[in-house]
Structure formats: C-alpha cells, structure tokens
Amino acid sequence: MQTSTPGSAPGTRERIVVAAARLVQRQGYVGTGIKQIATEAGATLGSVYHFFPGGKEAVAVAAIKHGDEEFAALLREALDSADAPAAAVEECARRLATALRASGWTDGCPVTAAALETLGTDSEIQQACADALRGWQDLVATRLLRAGLDRTAAREVAGTVVSTLEGAEVTAQVTRSEEPLLQAGRQLARLVSTYL
C-alpha cells in the first residue's frame, strides 16, 4: 500500500476533510467558513477549492461522510462488544457518553448540526445526513437480526435506538452530563430485552 508523504495531495485532502468534520460537528454548517477550514487543515484556500470545486457544500458533504464513517465504526465496535444485544445497545450509549465527556461536551453527533441547519432543503448535505442515519439504523438492525428478531421488529427497534441515542446525545451536551445517555442506554436495553 502506498502511503502519502507530508504535503502530498491525498494528505492535504484528508486534512481538509477531517478539519471540516470537526468544525461542522462543533459549530454547525452555517457557523463554519471555508477560510476557517483551510486554516484548521493547514491548507491554502486554493487547495480547498482544488479538491472541492463545489465549495463549502462539497467540503461539508465529505466531512459528514467522514463523521458518518467514524460514528459507524464506534457503533459497530460497541454492538460487537457483548453477546447479549441488550448489553451491546447499552454499551453504545456508554461509549457515546464517555467520548462526549472527553471532548468537553463539544463533539456530539457528526450529522446533527448540519442536518438541522439544512432541514427543508433538497441539498447534498441533507442527503448525506439521511444516508448516515439510515446506515446507523442498518447496523443496529443487523445486530438485532443476528440475535433472532424478525426483520420488522429489528428495523423498528433499530430506528428507536438511533433516534433515542441522537436525542440523548444532544441533551447530554446541553446539560453537560453523561446521565441522559446512560439513562437512554438502560431504557433501550430494557426495550431490546422485551423482544428476546
């Protein structure tokens, strides 16, 4: 596998995407400027437009996809951490709470801010956010199917899990407390247990 050297094009593009992902996650899409992304990435404005000719929206879409992949990896790892699906779902909430506290309550869901700011639009940002949420729901549903839930129940419970974790994470950020996520995890584990 070929690795990029410092200053090479792939390294610069990746730095831009990661910087944009963090900024959008913390400040939202509207609050994040293209110049700020370039500065945070240690890149020139010209290189941002070179990699993302569509400008700020194109960078934001790449950033949301990056955040989606990071969150999906955390979700996958947590869902595979316990044999019992109820315990696995509770572990998801626990890991989210730990990560949120470690970030000083700033690094919440990688799509929430952008999704809320672009509601009612038919933008690529809104599509990337919707794809992320569906993908996370699919991960949870797959885990529940492996545990023996039928397809309909697995899909509905997975939707409830993702929606609840999203809301609990925002509440945890606002209150600067892990407890909303931990409570949600306990209640979701009880819900999952009723299906088994």
C-alpha atoms as a PDB file:
ATOM      1  CA  MET A   1       0.000   0.000   0.000  1.00  0.00           C
ATOM      2  CA  GLN A   2       1.327   3.413  -0.915  1.00  0.00           C
ATOM      3  CA  THR A   3       1.345   5.969   1.853  1.00  0.00           C
ATOM      4  CA  SER A   4       1.218   9.668   1.251  1.00  0.00           C
ATOM      5  CA  THR A   5       4.111  11.896   2.113  1.00  0.00           C
ATOM      6  CA  PRO A   6       3.633  15.135   4.032  1.00  0.00           C
ATOM      7  CA  GLY A   7       2.233  17.829   1.741  1.00  0.00           C
ATOM      8  CA  SER A   8       1.099  15.397  -0.949  1.00  0.00           C
ATOM      9  CA  ALA A   9      -2.366  15.793  -2.432  1.00  0.00           C
ATOM     10  CA  PRO A  10      -4.059  12.887  -0.600  1.00  0.00           C
ATOM     11  CA  GLY A  11      -2.700  14.093   2.745  1.00  0.00           C
ATOM     12  CA  THR A  12      -3.937  17.612   2.114  1.00  0.00           C
ATOM     13  CA  ARG A  13      -7.398  16.454   1.062  1.00  0.00           C
ATOM     14  CA  GLU A  14      -7.672  14.248   4.148  1.00  0.00           C
ATOM     15  CA  ARG A  15      -6.611  17.109   6.431  1.00  0.00           C
ATOM     16  CA  ILE A  16      -9.270  19.336   4.862  1.00  0.00           C
ATOM     17  CA  VAL A  17     -11.980  16.712   5.358  1.00  0.00           C
ATOM     18  CA  VAL A  18     -11.006  15.973   8.963  1.00  0.00           C
ATOM     19  CA  ALA A  19     -10.773  19.681   9.855  1.00  0.00           C
ATOM     20  CA  ALA A  20     -14.145  20.353   8.243  1.00  0.00           C
ATOM     21  CA  ALA A  21     -15.701  17.378  10.032  1.00  0.00           C
ATOM     22  CA  ARG A  22     -14.574  18.661  13.437  1.00  0.00           C
ATOM     23  CA  LEU A  23     -15.647  22.226  12.723  1.00  0.00           C
ATOM     24  CA  VAL A  24     -19.083  21.276  11.372  1.00  0.00           C
ATOM     25  CA  GLN A  25     -19.556  18.904  14.307  1.00  0.00           C
ATOM     26  CA  ARG A  26     -18.760  21.653  16.814  1.00  0.00           C
ATOM     27  CA  GLN A  27     -20.114  24.789  15.112  1.00  0.00           C
ATOM     28  CA  GLY A  28     -22.548  23.529  12.522  1.00  0.00           C
ATOM     29  CA  TYR A  29     -22.510  24.081   8.782  1.00  0.00           C
ATOM     30  CA  VAL A  30     -23.623  27.706   8.887  1.00  0.00           C
ATOM     31  CA  GLY A  31     -21.060  28.617  11.555  1.00  0.00           C
ATOM     32  CA  THR A  32     -18.135  27.110   9.665  1.00  0.00           C
ATOM     33  CA  GLY A  33     -16.368  29.132   6.993  1.00  0.00           C
ATOM     34  CA  ILE A  34     -14.255  27.868   4.127  1.00  0.00           C
ATOM     35  CA  LYS A  35     -11.299  30.042   5.235  1.00  0.00           C
ATOM     36  CA  GLN A  36     -11.524  28.588   8.731  1.00  0.00           C
ATOM     37  CA  ILE A  37     -11.479  25.062   7.286  1.00  0.00           C
ATOM     38  CA  ALA A  38      -8.355  25.896   5.276  1.00  0.00           C
ATOM     39  CA  THR A  39      -6.641  27.395   8.311  1.00  0.00           C
ATOM     40  CA  GLU A  40      -7.528  24.449  10.574  1.00  0.00           C
ATOM     41  CA  ALA A  41      -6.315  22.000   7.914  1.00  0.00           C
ATOM     42  CA  GLY A  42      -3.050  23.851   7.375  1.00  0.00           C
ATOM     43  CA  ALA A  43      -4.003  24.206   3.714  1.00  0.00           C
ATOM     44  CA  THR A  44      -4.374  27.073   1.310  1.00  0.00           C
ATOM     45  CA  LEU A  45      -7.768  28.290   0.211  1.00  0.00           C
ATOM     46  CA  GLY A  46      -6.748  27.366  -3.325  1.00  0.00           C
ATOM     47  CA  SER A  47      -6.140  23.747  -2.342  1.00  0.00           C
ATOM     48  CA  VAL A  48      -9.563  23.548  -0.684  1.00  0.00           C
ATOM     49  CA  TYR A  49     -11.186  24.673  -3.931  1.00  0.00           C
ATOM     50  CA  HIS A  50      -8.868  22.380  -5.913  1.00  0.00           C
ATOM     51  CA  PHE A  51     -10.161  19.318  -4.065  1.00  0.00           C
ATOM     52  CA  PHE A  52     -13.693  20.660  -3.618  1.00  0.00           C
ATOM     53  CA  PRO A  53     -14.657  22.802  -6.625  1.00  0.00           C
ATOM     54  CA  GLY A  54     -18.218  22.839  -5.278  1.00  0.00           C
ATOM     55  CA  GLY A  55     -17.004  24.969  -2.370  1.00  0.00           C
ATOM     56  CA  LYS A  56     -18.277  24.855   1.170  1.00  0.00           C
ATOM     57  CA  GLU A  57     -21.177  22.490   0.486  1.00  0.00           C
ATOM     58  CA  ALA A  58     -18.898  19.941  -1.199  1.00  0.00           C
ATOM     59  CA  VAL A  59     -16.454  20.076   1.720  1.00  0.00           C
ATOM     60  CA  ALA A  60     -19.340  19.700   4.172  1.00  0.00           C
ATOM     61  CA  VAL A  61     -20.677  16.622   2.365  1.00  0.00           C
ATOM     62  CA  ALA A  62     -17.228  14.993   2.527  1.00  0.00           C
ATOM     63  CA  ALA A  63     -16.962  15.981   6.195  1.00  0.00           C
ATOM     64  CA  ILE A  64     -20.363  14.482   7.018  1.00  0.00           C
ATOM     65  CA  LYS A  65     -19.405  11.240   5.262  1.00  0.00           C
ATOM     66  CA  HIS A  66     -16.186  11.182   7.274  1.00  0.00           C
ATOM     67  CA  GLY A  67     -18.103  11.707  10.528  1.00  0.00           C
ATOM     68  CA  ASP A  68     -20.590   9.045   9.448  1.00  0.00           C
ATOM     69  CA  GLU A  69     -17.762   6.521   9.000  1.00  0.00           C
ATOM     70  CA  GLU A  70     -16.210   7.395  12.368  1.00  0.00           C
ATOM     71  CA  PHE A  71     -19.545   7.060  14.168  1.00  0.00           C
ATOM     72  CA  ALA A  72     -20.367   3.822  12.338  1.00  0.00           C
ATOM     73  CA  ALA A  73     -17.025   2.364  13.474  1.00  0.00           C
ATOM     74  CA  LEU A  74     -17.807   3.268  17.108  1.00  0.00           C
ATOM     75  CA  LEU A  75     -21.286   1.793  16.746  1.00  0.00           C
ATOM     76  CA  ARG A  76     -20.008  -1.435  15.144  1.00  0.00           C
ATOM     77  CA  GLU A  77     -17.398  -1.911  17.847  1.00  0.00           C
ATOM     78  CA  ALA A  78     -19.909  -1.313  20.647  1.00  0.00           C
ATOM     79  CA  LEU A  79     -22.522  -3.601  19.075  1.00  0.00           C
ATOM     80  CA  ASP A  80     -19.945  -6.381  18.815  1.00  0.00           C
ATOM     81  CA  SER A  81     -18.686  -5.854  22.373  1.00  0.00           C
ATOM     82  CA  ALA A  82     -21.273  -8.053  24.108  1.00  0.00           C
ATOM     83  CA  ASP A  83     -23.019 -11.316  23.300  1.00  0.00           C
ATOM     84  CA  ALA A  84     -26.394 -10.073  24.528  1.00  0.00           C
ATOM     85  CA  PRO A  85     -27.859  -7.441  22.176  1.00  0.00           C
ATOM     86  CA  ALA A  86     -29.390  -5.516  25.094  1.00  0.00           C
ATOM     87  CA  ALA A  87     -25.949  -5.161  26.687  1.00  0.00           C
ATOM     88  CA  ALA A  88     -24.465  -4.198  23.311  1.00  0.00           C
ATOM     89  CA  VAL A  89     -27.014  -1.411  22.826  1.00  0.00           C
ATOM     90  CA  GLU A  90     -26.376  -0.132  26.338  1.00  0.00           C
ATOM     91  CA  GLU A  91     -22.647  -0.175  25.594  1.00  0.00           C
ATOM     92  CA  CYS A  92     -23.266   2.096  22.593  1.00  0.00           C
ATOM     93  CA  ALA A  93     -24.771   4.710  24.891  1.00  0.00           C
ATOM     94  CA  ARG A  94     -21.966   4.311  27.420  1.00  0.00           C
ATOM     95  CA  ARG A  95     -19.262   4.801  24.778  1.00  0.00           C
ATOM     96  CA  LEU A  96     -21.017   7.849  23.370  1.00  0.00           C
ATOM     97  CA  ALA A  97     -21.228   9.327  26.866  1.00  0.00           C
ATOM     98  CA  THR A  98     -17.539   8.695  27.516  1.00  0.00           C
ATOM     99  CA  ALA A  99     -16.469  10.226  24.189  1.00  0.00           C
ATOM    100  CA  LEU A 100     -18.722  13.242  24.659  1.00  0.00           C
ATOM    101  CA  ARG A 101     -17.383  13.927  28.159  1.00  0.00           C
ATOM    102  CA  ALA A 102     -13.784  13.520  26.924  1.00  0.00           C
ATOM    103  CA  SER A 103     -14.417  16.163  24.232  1.00  0.00           C
ATOM    104  CA  GLY A 104     -15.605  18.691  26.800  1.00  0.00           C
ATOM    105  CA  TRP A 105     -19.174  18.226  25.572  1.00  0.00           C
ATOM    106  CA  THR A 106     -18.362  19.624  22.106  1.00  0.00           C
ATOM    107  CA  ASP A 107     -18.073  16.577  19.843  1.00  0.00           C
ATOM    108  CA  GLY A 108     -21.626  15.343  19.558  1.00  0.00           C
ATOM    109  CA  CYS A 109     -23.248  13.626  16.624  1.00  0.00           C
ATOM    110  CA  PRO A 110     -21.351  14.310  13.414  1.00  0.00           C
ATOM    111  CA  VAL A 111     -24.529  14.996  11.419  1.00  0.00           C
ATOM    112  CA  THR A 112     -26.995  16.627  13.820  1.00  0.00           C
ATOM    113  CA  ALA A 113     -25.949  20.257  13.410  1.00  0.00           C
ATOM    114  CA  ALA A 114     -25.725  20.106   9.627  1.00  0.00           C
ATOM    115  CA  ALA A 115     -28.975  18.143   9.377  1.00  0.00           C
ATOM    116  CA  LEU A 116     -30.925  20.654  11.454  1.00  0.00           C
ATOM    117  CA  GLU A 117     -29.471  23.647   9.609  1.00  0.00           C
ATOM    118  CA  THR A 118     -30.435  22.269   6.203  1.00  0.00           C
ATOM    119  CA  LEU A 119     -33.929  20.978   7.011  1.00  0.00           C
ATOM    120  CA  GLY A 120     -36.414  21.536   4.249  1.00  0.00           C
ATOM    121  CA  THR A 121     -33.761  21.673   1.552  1.00  0.00           C
ATOM    122  CA  ASP A 122     -33.024  19.145  -1.128  1.00  0.00           C
ATOM    123  CA  SER A 123     -29.292  19.561  -0.704  1.00  0.00           C
ATOM    124  CA  GLU A 124     -26.443  17.084  -0.882  1.00  0.00           C
ATOM    125  CA  ILE A 125     -25.825  17.838   2.801  1.00  0.00           C
ATOM    126  CA  GLN A 126     -29.331  16.743   3.736  1.00  0.00           C
ATOM    127  CA  GLN A 127     -28.893  13.580   1.634  1.00  0.00           C
ATOM    128  CA  ALA A 128     -25.553  12.769   3.308  1.00  0.00           C
ATOM    129  CA  CYS A 129     -27.157  13.214   6.736  1.00  0.00           C
ATOM    130  CA  ALA A 130     -30.120  10.994   5.822  1.00  0.00           C
ATOM    131  CA  ASP A 131     -27.756   8.339   4.438  1.00  0.00           C
ATOM    132  CA  ALA A 132     -25.745   8.386   7.665  1.00  0.00           C
ATOM    133  CA  LEU A 133     -28.806   7.936   9.865  1.00  0.00           C
ATOM    134  CA  ARG A 134     -30.098   5.087   7.665  1.00  0.00           C
ATOM    135  CA  GLY A 135     -26.688   3.433   7.724  1.00  0.00           C
ATOM    136  CA  TRP A 136     -26.528   3.538  11.522  1.00  0.00           C
ATOM    137  CA  GLN A 137     -30.032   2.125  11.746  1.00  0.00           C
ATOM    138  CA  ASP A 138     -28.975  -0.690   9.393  1.00  0.00           C
ATOM    139  CA  LEU A 139     -26.017  -1.533  11.660  1.00  0.00           C
ATOM    140  CA  VAL A 140     -28.258  -1.834  14.711  1.00  0.00           C
ATOM    141  CA  ALA A 141     -30.925  -3.766  12.785  1.00  0.00           C
ATOM    142  CA  THR A 142     -28.320  -6.247  11.517  1.00  0.00           C
ATOM    143  CA  ARG A 143     -27.153  -6.863  15.087  1.00  0.00           C
ATOM    144  CA  LEU A 144     -30.743  -7.431  16.221  1.00  0.00           C
ATOM    145  CA  LEU A 145     -31.449  -9.767  13.300  1.00  0.00           C
ATOM    146  CA  ARG A 146     -28.431 -11.850  14.314  1.00  0.00           C
ATOM    147  CA  ALA A 147     -29.965 -12.092  17.786  1.00  0.00           C
ATOM    148  CA  GLY A 148     -33.190 -13.523  16.377  1.00  0.00           C
ATOM    149  CA  LEU A 149     -35.563 -10.589  15.971  1.00  0.00           C
ATOM    150  CA  ASP A 150     -37.728 -10.700  12.873  1.00  0.00           C
ATOM    151  CA  ARG A 151     -36.996  -8.147  10.156  1.00  0.00           C
ATOM    152  CA  THR A 152     -39.849  -5.767  11.013  1.00  0.00           C
ATOM    153  CA  ALA A 153     -39.116  -5.718  14.748  1.00  0.00           C
ATOM    154  CA  ALA A 154     -35.367  -5.361  14.168  1.00  0.00           C
ATOM    155  CA  ARG A 155     -35.925  -2.383  11.865  1.00  0.00           C
ATOM    156  CA  GLU A 156     -38.342  -0.621  14.222  1.00  0.00           C
ATOM    157  CA  VAL A 157     -36.245  -1.207  17.323  1.00  0.00           C
ATOM    158  CA  ALA A 158     -33.111  -0.080  15.473  1.00  0.00           C
ATOM    159  CA  GLY A 159     -34.869   3.133  14.464  1.00  0.00           C
ATOM    160  CA  THR A 160     -35.848   3.712  18.076  1.00  0.00           C
ATOM    161  CA  VAL A 161     -32.274   3.053  19.236  1.00  0.00           C
ATOM    162  CA  VAL A 162     -30.723   5.529  16.802  1.00  0.00           C
ATOM    163  CA  SER A 163     -33.369   8.202  17.401  1.00  0.00           C
ATOM    164  CA  THR A 164     -33.092   7.852  21.176  1.00  0.00           C
ATOM    165  CA  LEU A 165     -29.297   7.976  21.167  1.00  0.00           C
ATOM    166  CA  GLU A 166     -29.377  11.081  18.939  1.00  0.00           C
ATOM    167  CA  GLY A 167     -31.744  12.907  21.280  1.00  0.00           C
ATOM    168  CA  ALA A 168     -29.927  11.762  24.395  1.00  0.00           C
ATOM    169  CA  GLU A 169     -26.620  12.943  22.994  1.00  0.00           C
ATOM    170  CA  VAL A 170     -27.956  16.448  22.365  1.00  0.00           C
ATOM    171  CA  THR A 171     -29.450  16.512  25.873  1.00  0.00           C
ATOM    172  CA  ALA A 172     -26.132  15.360  27.348  1.00  0.00           C
ATOM    173  CA  GLN A 173     -24.325  18.162  25.509  1.00  0.00           C
ATOM    174  CA  VAL A 174     -26.759  20.814  26.687  1.00  0.00           C
ATOM    175  CA  THR A 175     -26.729  19.626  30.314  1.00  0.00           C
ATOM    176  CA  ARG A 176     -23.007  18.732  30.261  1.00  0.00           C
ATOM    177  CA  SER A 177     -23.825  15.399  31.819  1.00  0.00           C
ATOM    178  CA  GLU A 178     -23.419  11.764  30.785  1.00  0.00           C
ATOM    179  CA  GLU A 179     -26.637  10.838  32.549  1.00  0.00           C
ATOM    180  CA  PRO A 180     -29.072  11.386  29.640  1.00  0.00           C
ATOM    181  CA  LEU A 181     -27.088   8.933  27.521  1.00  0.00           C
ATOM    182  CA  LEU A 182     -26.678   6.439  30.354  1.00  0.00           C
ATOM    183  CA  GLN A 183     -30.412   6.598  31.101  1.00  0.00           C
ATOM    184  CA  ALA A 184     -31.215   6.127  27.427  1.00  0.00           C
ATOM    185  CA  GLY A 185     -28.866   3.143  27.286  1.00  0.00           C
ATOM    186  CA  ARG A 186     -30.543   1.470  30.244  1.00  0.00           C
ATOM    187  CA  GLN A 187     -34.021   2.012  28.821  1.00  0.00           C
ATOM    188  CA  LEU A 188     -33.024   0.867  25.337  1.00  0.00           C
ATOM    189  CA  ALA A 189     -31.510  -2.292  26.832  1.00  0.00           C
ATOM    190  CA  ARG A 190     -34.840  -2.990  28.562  1.00  0.00           C
ATOM    191  CA  LEU A 191     -36.672  -2.442  25.270  1.00  0.00           C
ATOM    192  CA  VAL A 192     -34.379  -4.800  23.373  1.00  0.00           C
ATOM    193  CA  SER A 193     -34.757  -7.417  26.119  1.00  0.00           C
ATOM    194  CA  THR A 194     -38.555  -7.436  25.732  1.00  0.00           C
ATOM    195  CA  TYR A 195     -38.139  -8.631  22.140  1.00  0.00           C
ATOM    196  CA  LEU A 196     -35.918 -11.519  23.154  1.00  0.00           C
END
